[in-house]
Amino acid sequence: SGTHPFDWRFAVPFGADLEHITSQIQAVLRERT
C-alpha cells in the first residue's frame, strides 16, 4: 500500500482543555515532513 498505519493513544486529565491539547498535537504532526 505504500503506507504503514498507526494508532497511538494518550490519556489526559479530566477537565483539561481538549481543543487546546488537540491543536498542540496537530501542530507537532504538521512539523513532520
PDB file of all heavy atoms in Angstrom:
ATOM      1  N   SER A   1       0.817  -1.217   0.000  1.00  0.00           N
ATOM      2  CA  SER A   1       0.000   0.000   0.000  1.00  0.00           C
ATOM      3  C   SER A   1       0.848   1.265   0.000  1.00  0.00           C
ATOM      4  O   SER A   1       0.361   2.340  -0.332  1.00  0.00           O
ATOM      5  CB  SER A   1      -0.910   0.021   1.234  1.00  0.00           C
ATOM      6  OG  SER A   1      -0.135   0.091   2.423  1.00  0.00           O
ATOM      7  N   GLY A   2       2.103   1.151   0.390  1.00  0.00           N
ATOM      8  CA  GLY A   2       2.976   2.311   0.432  1.00  0.00           C
ATOM      9  C   GLY A   2       2.924   3.083   1.728  1.00  0.00           C
ATOM     10  O   GLY A   2       3.663   4.049   1.911  1.00  0.00           O
ATOM     11  N   THR A   3       2.060   2.667   2.658  1.00  0.00           N
ATOM     12  CA  THR A   3       1.963   3.349   3.949  1.00  0.00           C
ATOM     13  C   THR A   3       1.837   2.326   5.063  1.00  0.00           C
ATOM     14  O   THR A   3       1.449   1.176   4.823  1.00  0.00           O
ATOM     15  CB  THR A   3       0.743   4.284   4.003  1.00  0.00           C
ATOM     16  OG1 THR A   3      -0.456   3.517   3.774  1.00  0.00           O
ATOM     17  CG2 THR A   3       0.849   5.391   2.968  1.00  0.00           C
ATOM     18  N   HIS A   4       2.150   2.770   6.276  1.00  0.00           N
ATOM     19  CA  HIS A   4       2.052   1.909   7.447  1.00  0.00           C
ATOM     20  C   HIS A   4       1.139   2.594   8.463  1.00  0.00           C
ATOM     21  O   HIS A   4       1.391   3.735   8.858  1.00  0.00           O
ATOM     22  CB  HIS A   4       3.437   1.683   8.056  1.00  0.00           C
ATOM     23  CG  HIS A   4       3.469   0.549   9.029  1.00  0.00           C
ATOM     24  ND1 HIS A   4       2.937   0.653  10.292  1.00  0.00           N
ATOM     25  CD2 HIS A   4       3.954  -0.714   8.931  1.00  0.00           C
ATOM     26  CE1 HIS A   4       3.105  -0.482  10.920  1.00  0.00           C
ATOM     27  NE2 HIS A   4       3.715  -1.328  10.127  1.00  0.00           N
ATOM     28  N   PRO A   5       0.043   1.926   8.881  1.00  0.00           N
ATOM     29  CA  PRO A   5      -0.901   2.592   9.782  1.00  0.00           C
ATOM     30  C   PRO A   5      -0.358   2.696  11.206  1.00  0.00           C
ATOM     31  O   PRO A   5       0.453   1.892  11.636  1.00  0.00           O
ATOM     32  CB  PRO A   5      -2.121   1.668   9.736  1.00  0.00           C
ATOM     33  CG  PRO A   5      -1.535   0.312   9.490  1.00  0.00           C
ATOM     34  CD  PRO A   5      -0.347   0.537   8.603  1.00  0.00           C
ATOM     35  N   PHE A   6      -0.809   3.708  11.927  1.00  0.00           N
ATOM     36  CA  PHE A   6      -0.505   3.799  13.350  1.00  0.00           C
ATOM     37  C   PHE A   6      -1.725   4.355  14.082  1.00  0.00           C
ATOM     38  O   PHE A   6      -2.548   5.074  13.506  1.00  0.00           O
ATOM     39  CB  PHE A   6       0.734   4.667  13.614  1.00  0.00           C
ATOM     40  CG  PHE A   6       0.629   6.085  13.112  1.00  0.00           C
ATOM     41  CD1 PHE A   6      -0.061   7.058  13.841  1.00  0.00           C
ATOM     42  CD2 PHE A   6       1.245   6.466  11.937  1.00  0.00           C
ATOM     43  CE1 PHE A   6      -0.149   8.361  13.399  1.00  0.00           C
ATOM     44  CE2 PHE A   6       1.163   7.780  11.477  1.00  0.00           C
ATOM     45  CZ  PHE A   6       0.464   8.726  12.206  1.00  0.00           C
ATOM     46  N   ASP A   7      -1.841   3.979  15.327  1.00  0.00           N
ATOM     47  CA  ASP A   7      -2.945   4.424  16.175  1.00  0.00           C
ATOM     48  C   ASP A   7      -2.410   4.535  17.604  1.00  0.00           C
ATOM     49  O   ASP A   7      -2.348   3.536  18.325  1.00  0.00           O
ATOM     50  CB  ASP A   7      -4.119   3.441  16.102  1.00  0.00           C
ATOM     51  CG  ASP A   7      -5.328   3.935  16.878  1.00  0.00           C
ATOM     52  OD1 ASP A   7      -5.390   5.151  17.157  1.00  0.00           O
ATOM     53  OD2 ASP A   7      -6.210   3.115  17.215  1.00  0.00           O
ATOM     54  N   TRP A   8      -2.007   5.750  17.991  1.00  0.00           N
ATOM     55  CA  TRP A   8      -1.412   5.968  19.304  1.00  0.00           C
ATOM     56  C   TRP A   8      -2.444   6.619  20.211  1.00  0.00           C
ATOM     57  O   TRP A   8      -3.193   7.495  19.783  1.00  0.00           O
ATOM     58  CB  TRP A   8      -0.171   6.855  19.204  1.00  0.00           C
ATOM     59  CG  TRP A   8       0.833   6.326  18.225  1.00  0.00           C
ATOM     60  CD1 TRP A   8       1.154   5.017  17.986  1.00  0.00           C
ATOM     61  CD2 TRP A   8       1.623   7.091  17.322  1.00  0.00           C
ATOM     62  NE1 TRP A   8       2.099   4.915  17.025  1.00  0.00           N
ATOM     63  CE2 TRP A   8       2.412   6.173  16.589  1.00  0.00           C
ATOM     64  CE3 TRP A   8       1.759   8.440  17.068  1.00  0.00           C
ATOM     65  CZ2 TRP A   8       3.319   6.569  15.620  1.00  0.00           C
ATOM     66  CZ3 TRP A   8       2.663   8.853  16.103  1.00  0.00           C
ATOM     67  CH2 TRP A   8       3.433   7.919  15.387  1.00  0.00           C
ATOM     68  N   ARG A   9      -2.454   6.222  21.469  1.00  0.00           N
ATOM     69  CA  ARG A   9      -3.475   6.718  22.394  1.00  0.00           C
ATOM     70  C   ARG A   9      -2.851   7.308  23.647  1.00  0.00           C
ATOM     71  O   ARG A   9      -1.887   6.771  24.183  1.00  0.00           O
ATOM     72  CB  ARG A   9      -4.459   5.596  22.743  1.00  0.00           C
ATOM     73  CG  ARG A   9      -5.135   5.025  21.502  1.00  0.00           C
ATOM     74  CD  ARG A   9      -6.334   4.169  21.799  1.00  0.00           C
ATOM     75  NE  ARG A   9      -7.001   3.794  20.554  1.00  0.00           N
ATOM     76  CZ  ARG A   9      -8.213   3.261  20.483  1.00  0.00           C
ATOM     77  NH1 ARG A   9      -8.881   3.012  21.593  1.00  0.00           N
ATOM     78  NH2 ARG A   9      -8.748   2.973  19.326  1.00  0.00           N
ATOM     79  N   PHE A  10      -3.420   8.418  24.086  1.00  0.00           N
ATOM     80  CA  PHE A  10      -2.978   9.121  25.278  1.00  0.00           C
ATOM     81  C   PHE A  10      -4.158   9.249  26.242  1.00  0.00           C
ATOM     82  O   PHE A  10      -5.317   9.253  25.815  1.00  0.00           O
ATOM     83  CB  PHE A  10      -2.494  10.540  24.964  1.00  0.00           C
ATOM     84  CG  PHE A  10      -1.592  10.640  23.776  1.00  0.00           C
ATOM     85  CD1 PHE A  10      -2.104  10.759  22.496  1.00  0.00           C
ATOM     86  CD2 PHE A  10      -0.234  10.633  23.946  1.00  0.00           C
ATOM     87  CE1 PHE A  10      -1.270  10.864  21.400  1.00  0.00           C
ATOM     88  CE2 PHE A  10       0.616  10.738  22.859  1.00  0.00           C
ATOM     89  CZ  PHE A  10       0.097  10.854  21.583  1.00  0.00           C
ATOM     90  N   ALA A  11      -3.833   9.374  27.490  1.00  0.00           N
ATOM     91  CA  ALA A  11      -4.851   9.716  28.486  1.00  0.00           C
ATOM     92  C   ALA A  11      -4.454  11.036  29.119  1.00  0.00           C
ATOM     93  O   ALA A  11      -3.372  11.164  29.690  1.00  0.00           O
ATOM     94  CB  ALA A  11      -4.972   8.628  29.551  1.00  0.00           C
ATOM     95  N   VAL A  12      -5.308  12.040  28.979  1.00  0.00           N
ATOM     96  CA  VAL A  12      -5.053  13.362  29.563  1.00  0.00           C
ATOM     97  C   VAL A  12      -6.034  13.577  30.703  1.00  0.00           C
ATOM     98  O   VAL A  12      -7.119  12.982  30.726  1.00  0.00           O
ATOM     99  CB  VAL A  12      -5.194  14.463  28.503  1.00  0.00           C
ATOM    100  CG1 VAL A  12      -4.165  14.265  27.401  1.00  0.00           C
ATOM    101  CG2 VAL A  12      -6.594  14.474  27.911  1.00  0.00           C
ATOM    102  N   PRO A  13      -5.690  14.409  31.676  1.00  0.00           N
ATOM    103  CA  PRO A  13      -6.538  14.560  32.861  1.00  0.00           C
ATOM    104  C   PRO A  13      -7.936  15.063  32.530  1.00  0.00           C
ATOM    105  O   PRO A  13      -8.150  15.807  31.569  1.00  0.00           O
ATOM    106  CB  PRO A  13      -5.769  15.586  33.706  1.00  0.00           C
ATOM    107  CG  PRO A  13      -4.365  15.522  33.216  1.00  0.00           C
ATOM    108  CD  PRO A  13      -4.448  15.192  31.768  1.00  0.00           C
ATOM    109  N   PHE A  14      -8.907  14.632  33.328  1.00  0.00           N
ATOM    110  CA  PHE A  14     -10.257  15.152  33.208  1.00  0.00           C
ATOM    111  C   PHE A  14     -10.236  16.660  33.474  1.00  0.00           C
ATOM    112  O   PHE A  14      -9.520  17.151  34.340  1.00  0.00           O
ATOM    113  CB  PHE A  14     -11.193  14.469  34.217  1.00  0.00           C
ATOM    114  CG  PHE A  14     -11.439  13.017  33.919  1.00  0.00           C
ATOM    115  CD1 PHE A  14     -10.878  12.037  34.728  1.00  0.00           C
ATOM    116  CD2 PHE A  14     -12.215  12.616  32.850  1.00  0.00           C
ATOM    117  CE1 PHE A  14     -11.090  10.695  34.474  1.00  0.00           C
ATOM    118  CE2 PHE A  14     -12.436  11.276  32.583  1.00  0.00           C
ATOM    119  CZ  PHE A  14     -11.869  10.311  33.393  1.00  0.00           C
ATOM    120  N   GLY A  15     -11.021  17.381  32.741  1.00  0.00           N
ATOM    121  CA  GLY A  15     -11.090  18.824  32.920  1.00  0.00           C
ATOM    122  C   GLY A  15     -10.074  19.579  32.099  1.00  0.00           C
ATOM    123  O   GLY A  15     -10.061  20.820  32.126  1.00  0.00           O
ATOM    124  N   ALA A  16      -9.199  18.878  31.380  1.00  0.00           N
ATOM    125  CA  ALA A  16      -8.213  19.565  30.546  1.00  0.00           C
ATOM    126  C   ALA A  16      -8.894  20.162  29.319  1.00  0.00           C
ATOM    127  O   ALA A  16      -9.961  19.717  28.897  1.00  0.00           O
ATOM    128  CB  ALA A  16      -7.115  18.593  30.126  1.00  0.00           C
ATOM    129  N   ASP A  17      -8.282  21.161  28.750  1.00  0.00           N
ATOM    130  CA  ASP A  17      -8.796  21.817  27.546  1.00  0.00           C
ATOM    131  C   ASP A  17      -8.488  20.931  26.335  1.00  0.00           C
ATOM    132  O   ASP A  17      -7.380  20.953  25.793  1.00  0.00           O
ATOM    133  CB  ASP A  17      -8.149  23.194  27.385  1.00  0.00           C
ATOM    134  CG  ASP A  17      -8.799  24.010  26.266  1.00  0.00           C
ATOM    135  OD1 ASP A  17      -9.553  23.429  25.468  1.00  0.00           O
ATOM    136  OD2 ASP A  17      -8.540  25.229  26.201  1.00  0.00           O
ATOM    137  N   LEU A  18      -9.485  20.149  25.902  1.00  0.00           N
ATOM    138  CA  LEU A  18      -9.257  19.182  24.836  1.00  0.00           C
ATOM    139  C   LEU A  18      -8.953  19.861  23.501  1.00  0.00           C
ATOM    140  O   LEU A  18      -8.142  19.363  22.718  1.00  0.00           O
ATOM    141  CB  LEU A  18     -10.474  18.263  24.698  1.00  0.00           C
ATOM    142  CG  LEU A  18     -10.777  17.356  25.897  1.00  0.00           C
ATOM    143  CD1 LEU A  18     -11.993  16.489  25.619  1.00  0.00           C
ATOM    144  CD2 LEU A  18      -9.573  16.489  26.236  1.00  0.00           C
ATOM    145  N   GLU A  19      -9.597  20.984  23.245  1.00  0.00           N
ATOM    146  CA  GLU A  19      -9.331  21.681  21.987  1.00  0.00           C
ATOM    147  C   GLU A  19      -7.885  22.167  21.934  1.00  0.00           C
ATOM    148  O   GLU A  19      -7.218  22.074  20.895  1.00  0.00           O
ATOM    149  CB  GLU A  19     -10.301  22.858  21.821  1.00  0.00           C
ATOM    150  CG  GLU A  19     -11.759  22.434  21.603  1.00  0.00           C
ATOM    151  CD  GLU A  19     -12.642  23.631  21.317  1.00  0.00           C
ATOM    152  OE1 GLU A  19     -12.106  24.770  21.256  1.00  0.00           O
ATOM    153  OE2 GLU A  19     -13.854  23.440  21.141  1.00  0.00           O
ATOM    154  N   HIS A  20      -7.408  22.682  23.046  1.00  0.00           N
ATOM    155  CA  HIS A  20      -6.033  23.163  23.091  1.00  0.00           C
ATOM    156  C   HIS A  20      -5.051  22.002  22.943  1.00  0.00           C
ATOM    157  O   HIS A  20      -4.046  22.102  22.218  1.00  0.00           O
ATOM    158  CB  HIS A  20      -5.784  23.905  24.407  1.00  0.00           C
ATOM    159  CG  HIS A  20      -4.395  24.451  24.526  1.00  0.00           C
ATOM    160  ND1 HIS A  20      -3.891  25.413  23.678  1.00  0.00           N
ATOM    161  CD2 HIS A  20      -3.387  24.149  25.394  1.00  0.00           C
ATOM    162  CE1 HIS A  20      -2.647  25.699  24.010  1.00  0.00           C
ATOM    163  NE2 HIS A  20      -2.318  24.938  25.067  1.00  0.00           N
ATOM    164  N   ILE A  21      -5.342  20.892  23.622  1.00  0.00           N
ATOM    165  CA  ILE A  21      -4.476  19.720  23.528  1.00  0.00           C
ATOM    166  C   ILE A  21      -4.454  19.188  22.099  1.00  0.00           C
ATOM    167  O   ILE A  21      -3.389  18.854  21.556  1.00  0.00           O
ATOM    168  CB  ILE A  21      -4.949  18.634  24.507  1.00  0.00           C
ATOM    169  CG1 ILE A  21      -4.746  19.106  25.951  1.00  0.00           C
ATOM    170  CG2 ILE A  21      -4.204  17.320  24.264  1.00  0.00           C
ATOM    171  CD1 ILE A  21      -5.308  18.158  26.977  1.00  0.00           C
ATOM    172  N   THR A  22      -5.633  19.131  21.480  1.00  0.00           N
ATOM    173  CA  THR A  22      -5.715  18.633  20.103  1.00  0.00           C
ATOM    174  C   THR A  22      -4.908  19.512  19.160  1.00  0.00           C
ATOM    175  O   THR A  22      -4.189  19.021  18.274  1.00  0.00           O
ATOM    176  CB  THR A  22      -7.180  18.574  19.645  1.00  0.00           C
ATOM    177  OG1 THR A  22      -7.911  17.690  20.500  1.00  0.00           O
ATOM    178  CG2 THR A  22      -7.279  18.082  18.210  1.00  0.00           C
ATOM    179  N   SER A  23      -5.008  20.818  19.327  1.00  0.00           N
ATOM    180  CA  SER A  23      -4.251  21.730  18.469  1.00  0.00           C
ATOM    181  C   SER A  23      -2.749  21.575  18.680  1.00  0.00           C
ATOM    182  O   SER A  23      -1.959  21.678  17.729  1.00  0.00           O
ATOM    183  CB  SER A  23      -4.684  23.175  18.737  1.00  0.00           C
ATOM    184  OG  SER A  23      -4.354  23.559  20.064  1.00  0.00           O
ATOM    185  N   GLN A  24      -2.327  21.320  19.928  1.00  0.00           N
ATOM    186  CA  GLN A  24      -0.908  21.107  20.205  1.00  0.00           C
ATOM    187  C   GLN A  24      -0.398  19.848  19.505  1.00  0.00           C
ATOM    188  O   GLN A  24       0.691  19.840  18.915  1.00  0.00           O
ATOM    189  CB  GLN A  24      -0.685  20.992  21.721  1.00  0.00           C
ATOM    190  CG  GLN A  24      -0.889  22.286  22.480  1.00  0.00           C
ATOM    191  CD  GLN A  24       0.198  23.307  22.184  1.00  0.00           C
ATOM    192  OE1 GLN A  24       1.346  22.946  21.979  1.00  0.00           O
ATOM    193  NE2 GLN A  24      -0.171  24.573  22.152  1.00  0.00           N
ATOM    194  N   ILE A  25      -1.179  18.764  19.566  1.00  0.00           N
ATOM    195  CA  ILE A  25      -0.774  17.509  18.910  1.00  0.00           C
ATOM    196  C   ILE A  25      -0.718  17.687  17.401  1.00  0.00           C
ATOM    197  O   ILE A  25       0.230  17.244  16.727  1.00  0.00           O
ATOM    198  CB  ILE A  25      -1.741  16.374  19.287  1.00  0.00           C
ATOM    199  CG1 ILE A  25      -1.653  16.096  20.799  1.00  0.00           C
ATOM    200  CG2 ILE A  25      -1.425  15.111  18.497  1.00  0.00           C
ATOM    201  CD1 ILE A  25      -2.658  15.063  21.273  1.00  0.00           C
ATOM    202  N   GLN A  26      -1.734  18.353  16.842  1.00  0.00           N
ATOM    203  CA  GLN A  26      -1.745  18.566  15.393  1.00  0.00           C
ATOM    204  C   GLN A  26      -0.582  19.442  14.949  1.00  0.00           C
ATOM    205  O   GLN A  26      -0.033  19.254  13.859  1.00  0.00           O
ATOM    206  CB  GLN A  26      -3.076  19.188  14.980  1.00  0.00           C
ATOM    207  CG  GLN A  26      -4.255  18.230  15.089  1.00  0.00           C
ATOM    208  CD  GLN A  26      -5.578  18.895  14.787  1.00  0.00           C
ATOM    209  OE1 GLN A  26      -5.709  20.110  14.888  1.00  0.00           O
ATOM    210  NE2 GLN A  26      -6.579  18.084  14.441  1.00  0.00           N
ATOM    211  N   ALA A  27      -0.189  20.397  15.783  1.00  0.00           N
ATOM    212  CA  ALA A  27       0.961  21.239  15.440  1.00  0.00           C
ATOM    213  C   ALA A  27       2.240  20.414  15.367  1.00  0.00           C
ATOM    214  O   ALA A  27       3.086  20.620  14.488  1.00  0.00           O
ATOM    215  CB  ALA A  27       1.103  22.366  16.468  1.00  0.00           C
ATOM    216  N   VAL A  28       2.382  19.476  16.309  1.00  0.00           N
ATOM    217  CA  VAL A  28       3.546  18.583  16.276  1.00  0.00           C
ATOM    218  C   VAL A  28       3.542  17.734  15.015  1.00  0.00           C
ATOM    219  O   VAL A  28       4.581  17.550  14.354  1.00  0.00           O
ATOM    220  CB  VAL A  28       3.569  17.697  17.531  1.00  0.00           C
ATOM    221  CG1 VAL A  28       4.642  16.617  17.400  1.00  0.00           C
ATOM    222  CG2 VAL A  28       3.824  18.535  18.771  1.00  0.00           C
ATOM    223  N   LEU A  29       2.373  17.210  14.657  1.00  0.00           N
ATOM    224  CA  LEU A  29       2.283  16.340  13.482  1.00  0.00           C
ATOM    225  C   LEU A  29       2.539  17.117  12.193  1.00  0.00           C
ATOM    226  O   LEU A  29       3.124  16.575  11.250  1.00  0.00           O
ATOM    227  CB  LEU A  29       0.913  15.672  13.437  1.00  0.00           C
ATOM    228  CG  LEU A  29       0.606  14.703  14.586  1.00  0.00           C
ATOM    229  CD1 LEU A  29      -0.837  14.215  14.508  1.00  0.00           C
ATOM    230  CD2 LEU A  29       1.554  13.519  14.570  1.00  0.00           C
ATOM    231  N   ARG A  30       2.122  18.396  12.156  1.00  0.00           N
ATOM    232  CA  ARG A  30       2.336  19.192  10.943  1.00  0.00           C
ATOM    233  C   ARG A  30       3.816  19.471  10.708  1.00  0.00           C
ATOM    234  O   ARG A  30       4.238  19.722   9.582  1.00  0.00           O
ATOM    235  CB  ARG A  30       1.553  20.501  11.030  1.00  0.00           C
ATOM    236  CG  ARG A  30       0.068  20.357  10.741  1.00  0.00           C
ATOM    237  CD  ARG A  30      -0.557  21.724  10.493  1.00  0.00           C
ATOM    238  NE  ARG A  30      -0.482  22.578  11.683  1.00  0.00           N
ATOM    239  CZ  ARG A  30      -1.437  22.643  12.613  1.00  0.00           C
ATOM    240  NH1 ARG A  30      -2.530  21.897  12.473  1.00  0.00           N
ATOM    241  NH2 ARG A  30      -1.294  23.440  13.651  1.00  0.00           N
ATOM    242  N   GLU A  31       4.607  19.430  11.770  1.00  0.00           N
ATOM    243  CA  GLU A  31       6.036  19.671  11.627  1.00  0.00           C
ATOM    244  C   GLU A  31       6.773  18.479  11.022  1.00  0.00           C
ATOM    245  O   GLU A  31       7.921  18.619  10.605  1.00  0.00           O
ATOM    246  CB  GLU A  31       6.644  20.010  12.991  1.00  0.00           C
ATOM    247  CG  GLU A  31       6.147  21.326  13.575  1.00  0.00           C
ATOM    248  CD  GLU A  31       6.707  21.566  14.962  1.00  0.00           C
ATOM    249  OE1 GLU A  31       7.431  20.676  15.473  1.00  0.00           O
ATOM    250  OE2 GLU A  31       6.431  22.636  15.542  1.00  0.00           O
ATOM    251  N   ARG A  32       6.114  17.334  11.001  1.00  0.00           N
ATOM    252  CA  ARG A  32       6.750  16.138  10.442  1.00  0.00           C
ATOM    253  C   ARG A  32       6.702  16.205   8.922  1.00  0.00           C
ATOM    254  O   ARG A  32       5.644  16.299   8.312  1.00  0.00           O
ATOM    255  CB  ARG A  32       6.047  14.867  10.914  1.00  0.00           C
ATOM    256  CG  ARG A  32       6.007  14.674  12.414  1.00  0.00           C
ATOM    257  CD  ARG A  32       7.360  14.354  12.989  1.00  0.00           C
ATOM    258  NE  ARG A  32       8.011  13.224  12.368  1.00  0.00           N
ATOM    259  CZ  ARG A  32       9.067  12.602  12.878  1.00  0.00           C
ATOM    260  NH1 ARG A  32       9.562  13.005  14.033  1.00  0.00           N
ATOM    261  NH2 ARG A  32       9.623  11.598  12.258  1.00  0.00           N
ATOM    262  N   THR A  33       7.867  16.142   8.284  1.00  0.00           N
ATOM    263  CA  THR A  33       7.922  16.166   6.821  1.00  0.00           C
ATOM    264  C   THR A  33       7.832  14.772   6.215  1.00  0.00           C
ATOM    265  O   THR A  33       7.735  14.638   4.991  1.00  0.00           O
ATOM    266  CB  THR A  33       9.238  16.823   6.359  1.00  0.00           C
ATOM    267  OG1 THR A  33      10.345  16.075   6.883  1.00  0.00           O
ATOM    268  CG2 THR A  33       9.317  18.259   6.845  1.00  0.00           C
TER     269      THR A  33
END
